[in-house]
Amino acid sequence: MPLKTALRMGITVAFGCDVPASIYQEPKWAFTGAVMRRSKAGPLNQAERLTIQESLRVHTMGSAYAGFAEETTGSLEPGKFADMVVWNHDLYHLARDQILELQPEITILDGQIVYEKAKVGS
């Protein structure tokens, strides 16, 4: 998938991790695929790698746009709805080689905390 080329051409790219075609339905793996561009066989076209920031944008604003919902979802702004994950690293300053270290700290759905790492196992 030529993701970087599409972005350079001004095409809105949208993707996520909740498709039944994948056994990995976690945001971490969708980020990893777009940013690292590797498969079990080895590296894919590295020119098509997205930055972590680009990957975050296509997951959020890109997907909201694809669902005709960019006015109500896709970014953290007053008046918008947001399901979200709080990660253990700052995605805007995460080095590419740290992406596999991503772990969810908190997951919020419909305004409710549905997962909190600090409370798991306690």
PDB file of N, CA and C in Angstrom:
ATOM      1  N   MET A   1       0.847  -1.189   0.000  1.00  0.00           N
ATOM      2  CA  MET A   1       0.000   0.000   0.000  1.00  0.00           C
ATOM      3  C   MET A   1       0.888   1.246   0.000  1.00  0.00           C
ATOM      4  N   PRO A   2       0.775   2.072  -0.995  1.00  0.00           N
ATOM      5  CA  PRO A   2       1.604   3.273  -1.090  1.00  0.00           C
ATOM      6  C   PRO A   2       1.053   4.422  -0.234  1.00  0.00           C
ATOM      7  N   LEU A   3       1.106   4.265   1.071  1.00  0.00           N
ATOM      8  CA  LEU A   3       0.509   5.249   1.976  1.00  0.00           C
ATOM      9  C   LEU A   3       1.170   6.625   1.874  1.00  0.00           C
ATOM     10  N   LYS A   4       2.489   6.669   1.885  1.00  0.00           N
ATOM     11  CA  LYS A   4       3.203   7.945   1.836  1.00  0.00           C
ATOM     12  C   LYS A   4       2.929   8.656   0.514  1.00  0.00           C
ATOM     13  N   THR A   5       2.901   7.915  -0.577  1.00  0.00           N
ATOM     14  CA  THR A   5       2.604   8.497  -1.882  1.00  0.00           C
ATOM     15  C   THR A   5       1.208   9.114  -1.892  1.00  0.00           C
ATOM     16  N   ALA A   6       0.244   8.406  -1.333  1.00  0.00           N
ATOM     17  CA  ALA A   6      -1.125   8.932  -1.278  1.00  0.00           C
ATOM     18  C   ALA A   6      -1.166  10.236  -0.488  1.00  0.00           C
ATOM     19  N   LEU A   7      -0.488  10.276   0.652  1.00  0.00           N
ATOM     20  CA  LEU A   7      -0.469  11.512   1.443  1.00  0.00           C
ATOM     21  C   LEU A   7       0.194  12.650   0.675  1.00  0.00           C
ATOM     22  N   ARG A   8       1.312  12.362   0.010  1.00  0.00           N
ATOM     23  CA  ARG A   8       1.995  13.394  -0.781  1.00  0.00           C
ATOM     24  C   ARG A   8       1.107  13.936  -1.896  1.00  0.00           C
ATOM     25  N   MET A   9       0.218  13.096  -2.417  1.00  0.00           N
ATOM     26  CA  MET A   9      -0.687  13.511  -3.495  1.00  0.00           C
ATOM     27  C   MET A   9      -1.923  14.234  -2.959  1.00  0.00           C
ATOM     28  N   GLY A  10      -2.016  14.383  -1.627  1.00  0.00           N
ATOM     29  CA  GLY A  10      -3.151  15.074  -1.042  1.00  0.00           C
ATOM     30  C   GLY A  10      -4.374  14.193  -0.843  1.00  0.00           C
ATOM     31  N   ILE A  11      -4.205  12.909  -0.971  1.00  0.00           N
ATOM     32  CA  ILE A  11      -5.307  11.965  -0.769  1.00  0.00           C
ATOM     33  C   ILE A  11      -5.469  11.698   0.719  1.00  0.00           C
ATOM     34  N   THR A  12      -6.676  11.806   1.209  1.00  0.00           N
ATOM     35  CA  THR A  12      -6.931  11.504   2.611  1.00  0.00           C
ATOM     36  C   THR A  12      -6.865   9.996   2.797  1.00  0.00           C
ATOM     37  N   VAL A  13      -5.996   9.565   3.682  1.00  0.00           N
ATOM     38  CA  VAL A  13      -5.817   8.147   3.973  1.00  0.00           C
ATOM     39  C   VAL A  13      -6.485   7.854   5.312  1.00  0.00           C
ATOM     40  N   ALA A  14      -7.204   6.747   5.358  1.00  0.00           N
ATOM     41  CA  ALA A  14      -7.866   6.340   6.597  1.00  0.00           C
ATOM     42  C   ALA A  14      -7.593   4.869   6.846  1.00  0.00           C
ATOM     43  N   PHE A  15      -7.228   4.533   8.057  1.00  0.00           N
ATOM     44  CA  PHE A  15      -7.161   3.140   8.427  1.00  0.00           C
ATOM     45  C   PHE A  15      -7.223   2.994   9.928  1.00  0.00           C
ATOM     46  N   GLY A  16      -7.427   1.781  10.351  1.00  0.00           N
ATOM     47  CA  GLY A  16      -7.526   1.489  11.766  1.00  0.00           C
ATOM     48  C   GLY A  16      -7.132   0.057  12.010  1.00  0.00           C
ATOM     49  N   CYS A  17      -7.617  -0.481  13.100  1.00  0.00           N
ATOM     50  CA  CYS A  17      -7.188  -1.818  13.495  1.00  0.00           C
ATOM     51  C   CYS A  17      -8.352  -2.753  13.782  1.00  0.00           C
ATOM     52  N   ASP A  18      -9.553  -2.347  13.454  1.00  0.00           N
ATOM     53  CA  ASP A  18     -10.716  -3.149  13.828  1.00  0.00           C
ATOM     54  C   ASP A  18     -11.352  -3.874  12.648  1.00  0.00           C
ATOM     55  N   VAL A  19     -10.523  -4.295  11.722  1.00  0.00           N
ATOM     56  CA  VAL A  19     -11.044  -5.036  10.574  1.00  0.00           C
ATOM     57  C   VAL A  19     -10.938  -6.531  10.832  1.00  0.00           C
ATOM     58  N   PRO A  20     -11.928  -7.300  10.433  1.00  0.00           N
ATOM     59  CA  PRO A  20     -11.884  -8.743  10.689  1.00  0.00           C
ATOM     60  C   PRO A  20     -10.842  -9.479   9.850  1.00  0.00           C
ATOM     61  N   ALA A  21     -10.231  -8.812   8.893  1.00  0.00           N
ATOM     62  CA  ALA A  21      -9.226  -9.471   8.054  1.00  0.00           C
ATOM     63  C   ALA A  21      -7.885  -9.629   8.770  1.00  0.00           C
ATOM     64  N   SER A  22      -7.718  -8.994   9.909  1.00  0.00           N
ATOM     65  CA  SER A  22      -6.459  -9.057  10.631  1.00  0.00           C
ATOM     66  C   SER A  22      -6.640  -9.778  11.961  1.00  0.00           C
ATOM     67  N   ILE A  23      -5.647 -10.571  12.307  1.00  0.00           N
ATOM     68  CA  ILE A  23      -5.714 -11.228  13.619  1.00  0.00           C
ATOM     69  C   ILE A  23      -5.267 -10.284  14.723  1.00  0.00           C
ATOM     70  N   TYR A  24      -4.585  -9.193  14.350  1.00  0.00           N
ATOM     71  CA  TYR A  24      -4.127  -8.219  15.337  1.00  0.00           C
ATOM     72  C   TYR A  24      -5.055  -7.021  15.313  1.00  0.00           C
ATOM     73  N   GLN A  25      -5.973  -6.961  16.242  1.00  0.00           N
ATOM     74  CA  GLN A  25      -6.935  -5.869  16.269  1.00  0.00           C
ATOM     75  C   GLN A  25      -6.596  -4.900  17.387  1.00  0.00           C
ATOM     76  N   GLU A  26      -5.360  -4.472  17.399  1.00  0.00           N
ATOM     77  CA  GLU A  26      -4.892  -3.522  18.395  1.00  0.00           C
ATOM     78  C   GLU A  26      -4.227  -2.352  17.679  1.00  0.00           C
ATOM     79  N   PRO A  27      -4.458  -1.132  18.126  1.00  0.00           N
ATOM     80  CA  PRO A  27      -3.860   0.036  17.474  1.00  0.00           C
ATOM     81  C   PRO A  27      -2.345  -0.049  17.349  1.00  0.00           C
ATOM     82  N   LYS A  28      -1.696  -0.632  18.335  1.00  0.00           N
ATOM     83  CA  LYS A  28      -0.240  -0.734  18.305  1.00  0.00           C
ATOM     84  C   LYS A  28       0.255  -1.388  17.018  1.00  0.00           C
ATOM     85  N   TRP A  29      -0.423  -2.417  16.552  1.00  0.00           N
ATOM     86  CA  TRP A  29       0.046  -3.144  15.376  1.00  0.00           C
ATOM     87  C   TRP A  29      -0.249  -2.385  14.088  1.00  0.00           C
ATOM     88  N   ALA A  30      -1.314  -1.631  14.048  1.00  0.00           N
ATOM     89  CA  ALA A  30      -1.566  -0.801  12.876  1.00  0.00           C
ATOM     90  C   ALA A  30      -0.514   0.307  12.784  1.00  0.00           C
ATOM     91  N   PHE A  31      -0.176   0.911  13.925  1.00  0.00           N
ATOM     92  CA  PHE A  31       0.905   1.904  13.954  1.00  0.00           C
ATOM     93  C   PHE A  31       2.208   1.276  13.476  1.00  0.00           C
ATOM     94  N   THR A  32       2.517   0.126  14.031  1.00  0.00           N
ATOM     95  CA  THR A  32       3.765  -0.555  13.698  1.00  0.00           C
ATOM     96  C   THR A  32       3.852  -0.855  12.209  1.00  0.00           C
ATOM     97  N   GLY A  33       2.776  -1.348  11.624  1.00  0.00           N
ATOM     98  CA  GLY A  33       2.783  -1.666  10.203  1.00  0.00           C
ATOM     99  C   GLY A  33       3.028  -0.452   9.333  1.00  0.00           C
ATOM    100  N   ALA A  34       2.379   0.648   9.654  1.00  0.00           N
ATOM    101  CA  ALA A  34       2.516   1.856   8.845  1.00  0.00           C
ATOM    102  C   ALA A  34       3.879   2.528   9.029  1.00  0.00           C
ATOM    103  N   VAL A  35       4.415   2.451  10.230  1.00  0.00           N
ATOM    104  CA  VAL A  35       5.665   3.141  10.542  1.00  0.00           C
ATOM    105  C   VAL A  35       6.903   2.296  10.213  1.00  0.00           C
ATOM    106  N   MET A  36       6.859   1.024  10.496  1.00  0.00           N
ATOM    107  CA  MET A  36       8.027   0.161  10.295  1.00  0.00           C
ATOM    108  C   MET A  36       8.076  -0.455   8.897  1.00  0.00           C
ATOM    109  N   ARG A  37       6.910  -0.727   8.290  1.00  0.00           N
ATOM    110  CA  ARG A  37       6.832  -1.323   6.961  1.00  0.00           C
ATOM    111  C   ARG A  37       7.685  -2.590   6.867  1.00  0.00           C
ATOM    112  N   ARG A  38       7.369  -3.550   7.733  1.00  0.00           N
ATOM    113  CA  ARG A  38       8.073  -4.836   7.732  1.00  0.00           C
ATOM    114  C   ARG A  38       7.059  -5.961   7.745  1.00  0.00           C
ATOM    115  N   SER A  39       7.456  -7.069   7.181  1.00  0.00           N
ATOM    116  CA  SER A  39       6.654  -8.282   7.248  1.00  0.00           C
ATOM    117  C   SER A  39       7.558  -9.395   7.753  1.00  0.00           C
ATOM    118  N   LYS A  40       7.022 -10.576   7.922  1.00  0.00           N
ATOM    119  CA  LYS A  40       7.851 -11.703   8.349  1.00  0.00           C
ATOM    120  C   LYS A  40       8.958 -11.981   7.334  1.00  0.00           C
ATOM    121  N   ALA A  41       8.702 -11.663   6.077  1.00  0.00           N
ATOM    122  CA  ALA A  41       9.683 -11.901   5.017  1.00  0.00           C
ATOM    123  C   ALA A  41      10.777 -10.837   4.981  1.00  0.00           C
ATOM    124  N   GLY A  42      10.569  -9.719   5.669  1.00  0.00           N
ATOM    125  CA  GLY A  42      11.567  -8.655   5.685  1.00  0.00           C
ATOM    126  C   GLY A  42      10.949  -7.302   5.414  1.00  0.00           C
ATOM    127  N   PRO A  43      11.810  -6.288   5.183  1.00  0.00           N
ATOM    128  CA  PRO A  43      11.308  -4.928   4.960  1.00  0.00           C
ATOM    129  C   PRO A  43      10.478  -4.813   3.687  1.00  0.00           C
ATOM    130  N   LEU A  44       9.447  -3.985   3.770  1.00  0.00           N
ATOM    131  CA  LEU A  44       8.655  -3.621   2.598  1.00  0.00           C
ATOM    132  C   LEU A  44       9.224  -2.315   2.067  1.00  0.00           C
ATOM    133  N   ASN A  45       8.612  -1.725   1.075  1.00  0.00           N
ATOM    134  CA  ASN A  45       9.091  -0.479   0.483  1.00  0.00           C
ATOM    135  C   ASN A  45       9.214   0.601   1.557  1.00  0.00           C
ATOM    136  N   GLN A  46      10.441   0.874   1.969  1.00  0.00           N
ATOM    137  CA  GLN A  46      10.681   1.817   3.058  1.00  0.00           C
ATOM    138  C   GLN A  46      10.331   3.254   2.688  1.00  0.00           C
ATOM    139  N   ALA A  47      10.276   3.555   1.393  1.00  0.00           N
ATOM    140  CA  ALA A  47       9.893   4.902   0.960  1.00  0.00           C
ATOM    141  C   ALA A  47       8.438   5.201   1.290  1.00  0.00           C
ATOM    142  N   GLU A  48       7.654   4.179   1.576  1.00  0.00           N
ATOM    143  CA  GLU A  48       6.232   4.363   1.880  1.00  0.00           C
ATOM    144  C   GLU A  48       5.951   4.378   3.384  1.00  0.00           C
ATOM    145  N   ARG A  49       7.001   4.367   4.206  1.00  0.00           N
ATOM    146  CA  ARG A  49       6.795   4.426   5.661  1.00  0.00           C
ATOM    147  C   ARG A  49       6.185   5.765   6.050  1.00  0.00           C
ATOM    148  N   LEU A  50       5.262   5.707   6.992  1.00  0.00           N
ATOM    149  CA  LEU A  50       4.714   6.934   7.553  1.00  0.00           C
ATOM    150  C   LEU A  50       5.481   7.284   8.817  1.00  0.00           C
ATOM    151  N   THR A  51       5.491   8.558   9.153  1.00  0.00           N
ATOM    152  CA  THR A  51       6.005   8.938  10.464  1.00  0.00           C
ATOM    153  C   THR A  51       4.948   8.532  11.493  1.00  0.00           C
ATOM    154  N   ILE A  52       5.326   8.497  12.731  1.00  0.00           N
ATOM    155  CA  ILE A  52       4.357   8.173  13.777  1.00  0.00           C
ATOM    156  C   ILE A  52       3.240   9.214  13.781  1.00  0.00           C
ATOM    157  N   GLN A  53       3.588  10.460  13.550  1.00  0.00           N
ATOM    158  CA  GLN A  53       2.589  11.520  13.548  1.00  0.00           C
ATOM    159  C   GLN A  53       1.611  11.341  12.377  1.00  0.00           C
ATOM    160  N   GLU A  54       2.125  10.968  11.212  1.00  0.00           N
ATOM    161  CA  GLU A  54       1.242  10.716  10.069  1.00  0.00           C
ATOM    162  C   GLU A  54       0.338   9.519  10.344  1.00  0.00           C
ATOM    163  N   SER A  55       0.904   8.487  10.943  1.00  0.00           N
ATOM    164  CA  SER A  55       0.110   7.306  11.266  1.00  0.00           C
ATOM    165  C   SER A  55      -1.010   7.647  12.247  1.00  0.00           C
ATOM    166  N   LEU A  56      -0.706   8.446  13.234  1.00  0.00           N
ATOM    167  CA  LEU A  56      -1.729   8.868  14.193  1.00  0.00           C
ATOM    168  C   LEU A  56      -2.827   9.664  13.480  1.00  0.00           C
ATOM    169  N   ARG A  57      -2.452  10.522  12.581  1.00  0.00           N
ATOM    170  CA  ARG A  57      -3.444  11.343  11.858  1.00  0.00           C
ATOM    171  C   ARG A  57      -4.346  10.486  10.971  1.00  0.00           C
ATOM    172  N   VAL A  58      -3.799   9.515  10.237  1.00  0.00           N
ATOM    173  CA  VAL A  58      -4.666   8.703   9.377  1.00  0.00           C
ATOM    174  C   VAL A  58      -5.577   7.805  10.205  1.00  0.00           C
ATOM    175  N   HIS A  59      -5.133   7.445  11.407  1.00  0.00           N
ATOM    176  CA  HIS A  59      -5.980   6.659  12.309  1.00  0.00           C
ATOM    177  C   HIS A  59      -7.147   7.483  12.852  1.00  0.00           C
ATOM    178  N   THR A  60      -6.898   8.746  13.089  1.00  0.00           N
ATOM    179  CA  THR A  60      -7.893   9.583  13.765  1.00  0.00           C
ATOM    180  C   THR A  60      -8.666  10.446  12.769  1.00  0.00           C
ATOM    181  N   MET A  61      -8.048  11.489  12.286  1.00  0.00           N
ATOM    182  CA  MET A  61      -8.733  12.409  11.377  1.00  0.00           C
ATOM    183  C   MET A  61      -9.047  11.757  10.035  1.00  0.00           C
ATOM    184  N   GLY A  62      -8.165  10.908   9.542  1.00  0.00           N
ATOM    185  CA  GLY A  62      -8.427  10.218   8.283  1.00  0.00           C
ATOM    186  C   GLY A  62      -9.643   9.319   8.378  1.00  0.00           C
ATOM    187  N   SER A  63      -9.719   8.566   9.460  1.00  0.00           N
ATOM    188  CA  SER A  63     -10.859   7.666   9.641  1.00  0.00           C
ATOM    189  C   SER A  63     -12.148   8.439   9.887  1.00  0.00           C
ATOM    190  N   ALA A  64     -12.075   9.544  10.612  1.00  0.00           N
ATOM    191  CA  ALA A  64     -13.265  10.374  10.809  1.00  0.00           C
ATOM    192  C   ALA A  64     -13.752  10.927   9.469  1.00  0.00           C
ATOM    193  N   TYR A  65     -12.824  11.374   8.635  1.00  0.00           N
ATOM    194  CA  TYR A  65     -13.167  11.891   7.310  1.00  0.00           C
ATOM    195  C   TYR A  65     -13.837  10.810   6.464  1.00  0.00           C
ATOM    196  N   ALA A  66     -13.268   9.611   6.487  1.00  0.00           N
ATOM    197  CA  ALA A  66     -13.825   8.502   5.693  1.00  0.00           C
ATOM    198  C   ALA A  66     -15.240   8.144   6.136  1.00  0.00           C
ATOM    199  N   GLY A  67     -15.542   8.374   7.405  1.00  0.00           N
ATOM    200  CA  GLY A  67     -16.875   8.086   7.925  1.00  0.00           C
ATOM    201  C   GLY A  67     -17.800   9.299   7.921  1.00  0.00           C
ATOM    202  N   PHE A  68     -17.389  10.372   7.214  1.00  0.00           N
ATOM    203  CA  PHE A  68     -18.176  11.613   7.155  1.00  0.00           C
ATOM    204  C   PHE A  68     -18.464  12.159   8.547  1.00  0.00           C
ATOM    205  N   ALA A  69     -17.489  12.021   9.455  1.00  0.00           N
ATOM    206  CA  ALA A  69     -17.703  12.420  10.847  1.00  0.00           C
ATOM    207  C   ALA A  69     -16.612  13.346  11.370  1.00  0.00           C
ATOM    208  N   GLU A  70     -15.865  13.990  10.492  1.00  0.00           N
ATOM    209  CA  GLU A  70     -14.749  14.818  10.952  1.00  0.00           C
ATOM    210  C   GLU A  70     -15.182  16.031  11.773  1.00  0.00           C
ATOM    211  N   GLU A  71     -16.462  16.393  11.696  1.00  0.00           N
ATOM    212  CA  GLU A  71     -16.961  17.509  12.518  1.00  0.00           C
ATOM    213  C   GLU A  71     -17.271  17.073  13.950  1.00  0.00           C
ATOM    214  N   THR A  72     -17.406  15.759  14.172  1.00  0.00           N
ATOM    215  CA  THR A  72     -17.794  15.279  15.509  1.00  0.00           C
ATOM    216  C   THR A  72     -16.794  14.313  16.146  1.00  0.00           C
ATOM    217  N   THR A  73     -15.866  13.770  15.352  1.00  0.00           N
ATOM    218  CA  THR A  73     -14.860  12.843  15.889  1.00  0.00           C
ATOM    219  C   THR A  73     -13.521  13.068  15.199  1.00  0.00           C
ATOM    220  N   GLY A  74     -12.516  12.347  15.646  1.00  0.00           N
ATOM    221  CA  GLY A  74     -11.221  12.362  14.977  1.00  0.00           C
ATOM    222  C   GLY A  74     -10.151  13.185  15.647  1.00  0.00           C
ATOM    223  N   SER A  75     -10.533  14.122  16.492  1.00  0.00           N
ATOM    224  CA  SER A  75      -9.550  14.942  17.205  1.00  0.00           C
ATOM    225  C   SER A  75     -10.102  15.273  18.583  1.00  0.00           C
ATOM    226  N   LEU A  76      -9.199  15.612  19.470  1.00  0.00           N
ATOM    227  CA  LEU A  76      -9.606  15.969  20.831  1.00  0.00           C
ATOM    228  C   LEU A  76      -9.885  17.460  20.884  1.00  0.00           C
ATOM    229  N   GLU A  77     -11.167  17.799  20.786  1.00  0.00           N
ATOM    230  CA  GLU A  77     -11.610  19.188  20.802  1.00  0.00           C
ATOM    231  C   GLU A  77     -12.921  19.267  21.560  1.00  0.00           C
ATOM    232  N   PRO A  78     -13.189  20.397  22.193  1.00  0.00           N
ATOM    233  CA  PRO A  78     -14.477  20.540  22.877  1.00  0.00           C
ATOM    234  C   PRO A  78     -15.632  20.281  21.923  1.00  0.00           C
ATOM    235  N   GLY A  79     -16.607  19.512  22.375  1.00  0.00           N
ATOM    236  CA  GLY A  79     -17.788  19.219  21.584  1.00  0.00           C
ATOM    237  C   GLY A  79     -17.676  18.002  20.690  1.00  0.00           C
ATOM    238  N   LYS A  80     -16.481  17.389  20.618  1.00  0.00           N
ATOM    239  CA  LYS A  80     -16.313  16.191  19.796  1.00  0.00           C
ATOM    240  C   LYS A  80     -16.350  14.948  20.678  1.00  0.00           C
ATOM    241  N   PHE A  81     -16.787  13.831  20.080  1.00  0.00           N
ATOM    242  CA  PHE A  81     -16.780  12.545  20.753  1.00  0.00           C
ATOM    243  C   PHE A  81     -15.409  11.905  20.547  1.00  0.00           C
ATOM    244  N   ALA A  82     -14.957  11.145  21.541  1.00  0.00           N
ATOM    245  CA  ALA A  82     -13.648  10.511  21.377  1.00  0.00           C
ATOM    246  C   ALA A  82     -13.548   9.227  22.186  1.00  0.00           C
ATOM    247  N   ASP A  83     -13.307   8.130  21.494  1.00  0.00           N
ATOM    248  CA  ASP A  83     -12.820   6.917  22.131  1.00  0.00           C
ATOM    249  C   ASP A  83     -11.308   7.045  22.004  1.00  0.00           C
ATOM    250  N   MET A  84     -10.572   6.699  23.041  1.00  0.00           N
ATOM    251  CA  MET A  84      -9.132   6.944  22.956  1.00  0.00           C
ATOM    252  C   MET A  84      -8.322   6.020  23.838  1.00  0.00           C
ATOM    253  N   VAL A  85      -7.044   5.955  23.508  1.00  0.00           N
ATOM    254  CA  VAL A  85      -6.070   5.204  24.278  1.00  0.00           C
ATOM    255  C   VAL A  85      -5.015   6.188  24.771  1.00  0.00           C
ATOM    256  N   VAL A  86      -4.661   6.081  26.036  1.00  0.00           N
ATOM    257  CA  VAL A  86      -3.533   6.825  26.590  1.00  0.00           C
ATOM    258  C   VAL A  86      -2.364   5.842  26.616  1.00  0.00           C
ATOM    259  N   TRP A  87      -1.290   6.183  25.910  1.00  0.00           N
ATOM    260  CA  TRP A  87      -0.141   5.293  25.772  1.00  0.00           C
ATOM    261  C   TRP A  87       0.931   5.589  26.806  1.00  0.00           C
ATOM    262  N   ASN A  88       1.846   4.677  26.980  1.00  0.00           N
ATOM    263  CA  ASN A  88       2.946   4.856  27.929  1.00  0.00           C
ATOM    264  C   ASN A  88       4.069   5.723  27.354  1.00  0.00           C
ATOM    265  N   HIS A  89       3.984   6.105  26.096  1.00  0.00           N
ATOM    266  CA  HIS A  89       4.952   7.007  25.466  1.00  0.00           C
ATOM    267  C   HIS A  89       4.196   8.135  24.776  1.00  0.00           C
ATOM    268  N   ASP A  90       4.842   9.269  24.644  1.00  0.00           N
ATOM    269  CA  ASP A  90       4.300  10.400  23.904  1.00  0.00           C
ATOM    270  C   ASP A  90       4.475  10.103  22.418  1.00  0.00           C
ATOM    271  N   LEU A  91       3.393   9.870  21.700  1.00  0.00           N
ATOM    272  CA  LEU A  91       3.475   9.488  20.290  1.00  0.00           C
ATOM    273  C   LEU A  91       4.120  10.560  19.424  1.00  0.00           C
ATOM    274  N   TYR A  92       4.066  11.816  19.841  1.00  0.00           N
ATOM    275  CA  TYR A  92       4.652  12.875  19.036  1.00  0.00           C
ATOM    276  C   TYR A  92       6.165  12.960  19.173  1.00  0.00           C
ATOM    277  N   HIS A  93       6.710  12.300  20.182  1.00  0.00           N
ATOM    278  CA  HIS A  93       8.161  12.334  20.389  1.00  0.00           C
ATOM    279  C   HIS A  93       8.767  10.938  20.475  1.00  0.00           C
ATOM    280  N   LEU A  94       8.030   9.941  20.081  1.00  0.00           N
ATOM    281  CA  LEU A  94       8.473   8.558  20.135  1.00  0.00           C
ATOM    282  C   LEU A  94       9.437   8.271  18.986  1.00  0.00           C
ATOM    283  N   ALA A  95      10.575   7.682  19.297  1.00  0.00           N
ATOM    284  CA  ALA A  95      11.510   7.274  18.250  1.00  0.00           C
ATOM    285  C   ALA A  95      10.951   6.031  17.553  1.00  0.00           C
ATOM    286  N   ARG A  96      11.226   5.907  16.278  1.00  0.00           N
ATOM    287  CA  ARG A  96      10.718   4.788  15.484  1.00  0.00           C
ATOM    288  C   ARG A  96      11.065   3.443  16.128  1.00  0.00           C
ATOM    289  N   ASP A  97      12.252   3.323  16.715  1.00  0.00           N
ATOM    290  CA  ASP A  97      12.666   2.049  17.300  1.00  0.00           C
ATOM    291  C   ASP A  97      12.003   1.763  18.651  1.00  0.00           C
ATOM    292  N   GLN A  98      11.234   2.711  19.161  1.00  0.00           N
ATOM    293  CA  GLN A  98      10.513   2.504  20.424  1.00  0.00           C
ATOM    294  C   GLN A  98       9.067   2.054  20.213  1.00  0.00           C
ATOM    295  N   ILE A  99       8.624   1.990  18.990  1.00  0.00           N
ATOM    296  CA  ILE A  99       7.207   1.733  18.733  1.00  0.00           C
ATOM    297  C   ILE A  99       6.747   0.386  19.292  1.00  0.00           C
ATOM    298  N   LEU A 100       7.613  -0.591  19.305  1.00  0.00           N
ATOM    299  CA  LEU A 100       7.220  -1.904  19.833  1.00  0.00           C
ATOM    300  C   LEU A 100       7.067  -1.889  21.360  1.00  0.00           C
ATOM    301  N   GLU A 101       7.539  -0.833  22.000  1.00  0.00           N
ATOM    302  CA  GLU A 101       7.392  -0.686  23.452  1.00  0.00           C
ATOM    303  C   GLU A 101       6.038  -0.100  23.848  1.00  0.00           C
ATOM    304  N   LEU A 102       5.239   0.337  22.872  1.00  0.00           N
ATOM    305  CA  LEU A 102       3.946   0.949  23.184  1.00  0.00           C
ATOM    306  C   LEU A 102       3.065  -0.004  23.989  1.00  0.00           C
ATOM    307  N   GLN A 103       2.535   0.507  25.067  1.00  0.00           N
ATOM    308  CA  GLN A 103       1.601  -0.237  25.898  1.00  0.00           C
ATOM    309  C   GLN A 103       0.474   0.703  26.300  1.00  0.00           C
ATOM    310  N   PRO A 104      -0.764   0.240  26.266  1.00  0.00           N
ATOM    311  CA  PRO A 104      -1.863   1.104  26.695  1.00  0.00           C
ATOM    312  C   PRO A 104      -1.853   1.282  28.215  1.00  0.00           C
ATOM    313  N   GLU A 105      -2.068   2.494  28.652  1.00  0.00           N
ATOM    314  CA  GLU A 105      -2.193   2.793  30.086  1.00  0.00           C
ATOM    315  C   GLU A 105      -3.673   2.884  30.462  1.00  0.00           C
ATOM    316  N   ILE A 106      -4.440   3.556  29.601  1.00  0.00           N
ATOM    317  CA  ILE A 106      -5.872   3.757  29.839  1.00  0.00           C
ATOM    318  C   ILE A 106      -6.588   3.692  28.486  1.00  0.00           C
ATOM    319  N   THR A 107      -7.756   3.064  28.459  1.00  0.00           N
ATOM    320  CA  THR A 107      -8.610   3.072  27.276  1.00  0.00           C
ATOM    321  C   THR A 107      -9.965   3.638  27.690  1.00  0.00           C
ATOM    322  N   ILE A 108     -10.449   4.596  26.912  1.00  0.00           N
ATOM    323  CA  ILE A 108     -11.723   5.261  27.190  1.00  0.00           C
ATOM    324  C   ILE A 108     -12.660   5.036  26.007  1.00  0.00           C
ATOM    325  N   LEU A 109     -13.851   4.507  26.284  1.00  0.00           N
ATOM    326  CA  LEU A 109     -14.891   4.309  25.279  1.00  0.00           C
ATOM    327  C   LEU A 109     -16.171   4.950  25.768  1.00  0.00           C
ATOM    328  N   ASP A 110     -16.813   5.709  24.903  1.00  0.00           N
ATOM    329  CA  ASP A 110     -18.058   6.393  25.262  1.00  0.00           C
ATOM    330  C   ASP A 110     -17.943   7.166  26.577  1.00  0.00           C
ATOM    331  N   GLY A 111     -16.798   7.783  26.812  1.00  0.00           N
ATOM    332  CA  GLY A 111     -16.600   8.596  27.999  1.00  0.00           C
ATOM    333  C   GLY A 111     -16.316   7.820  29.275  1.00  0.00           C
ATOM    334  N   GLN A 112     -16.202   6.508  29.179  1.00  0.00           N
ATOM    335  CA  GLN A 112     -15.959   5.675  30.362  1.00  0.00           C
ATOM    336  C   GLN A 112     -14.603   4.988  30.252  1.00  0.00           C
ATOM    337  N   ILE A 113     -13.863   4.944  31.345  1.00  0.00           N
ATOM    338  CA  ILE A 113     -12.612   4.198  31.368  1.00  0.00           C
ATOM    339  C   ILE A 113     -12.957   2.718  31.401  1.00  0.00           C
ATOM    340  N   VAL A 114     -12.545   1.994  30.356  1.00  0.00           N
ATOM    341  CA  VAL A 114     -12.835   0.557  30.267  1.00  0.00           C
ATOM    342  C   VAL A 114     -11.597  -0.287  30.540  1.00  0.00           C
ATOM    343  N   TYR A 115     -10.428   0.353  30.570  1.00  0.00           N
ATOM    344  CA  TYR A 115      -9.194  -0.346  30.905  1.00  0.00           C
ATOM    345  C   TYR A 115      -8.255   0.651  31.557  1.00  0.00           C
ATOM    346  N   GLU A 116      -7.649   0.238  32.649  1.00  0.00           N
ATOM    347  CA  GLU A 116      -6.650   1.057  33.314  1.00  0.00           C
ATOM    348  C   GLU A 116      -5.559   0.133  33.822  1.00  0.00           C
ATOM    349  N   LYS A 117      -4.381   0.264  33.235  1.00  0.00           N
ATOM    350  CA  LYS A 117      -3.280  -0.646  33.554  1.00  0.00           C
ATOM    351  C   LYS A 117      -2.994  -0.707  35.039  1.00  0.00           C
ATOM    352  N   ALA A 118      -3.039   0.435  35.708  1.00  0.00           N
ATOM    353  CA  ALA A 118      -2.728   0.496  37.142  1.00  0.00           C
ATOM    354  C   ALA A 118      -3.688  -0.361  37.967  1.00  0.00           C
ATOM    355  N   LYS A 119      -4.894  -0.633  37.456  1.00  0.00           N
ATOM    356  CA  LYS A 119      -5.892  -1.394  38.207  1.00  0.00           C
ATOM    357  C   LYS A 119      -5.968  -2.856  37.797  1.00  0.00           C
ATOM    358  N   VAL A 120      -5.269  -3.236  36.733  1.00  0.00           N
ATOM    359  CA  VAL A 120      -5.293  -4.622  36.287  1.00  0.00           C
ATOM    360  C   VAL A 120      -4.477  -5.473  37.264  1.00  0.00           C
ATOM    361  N   GLY A 121      -5.069  -6.506  37.761  1.00  0.00           N
ATOM    362  CA  GLY A 121      -4.373  -7.408  38.668  1.00  0.00           C
ATOM    363  C   GLY A 121      -4.308  -6.927  40.097  1.00  0.00           C
ATOM    364  N   SER A 122      -4.865  -5.764  40.397  1.00  0.00           N
ATOM    365  CA  SER A 122      -4.815  -5.290  41.797  1.00  0.00           C
ATOM    366  C   SER A 122      -6.043  -5.665  42.561  1.00  0.00           C
TER     367      SER A 122
END
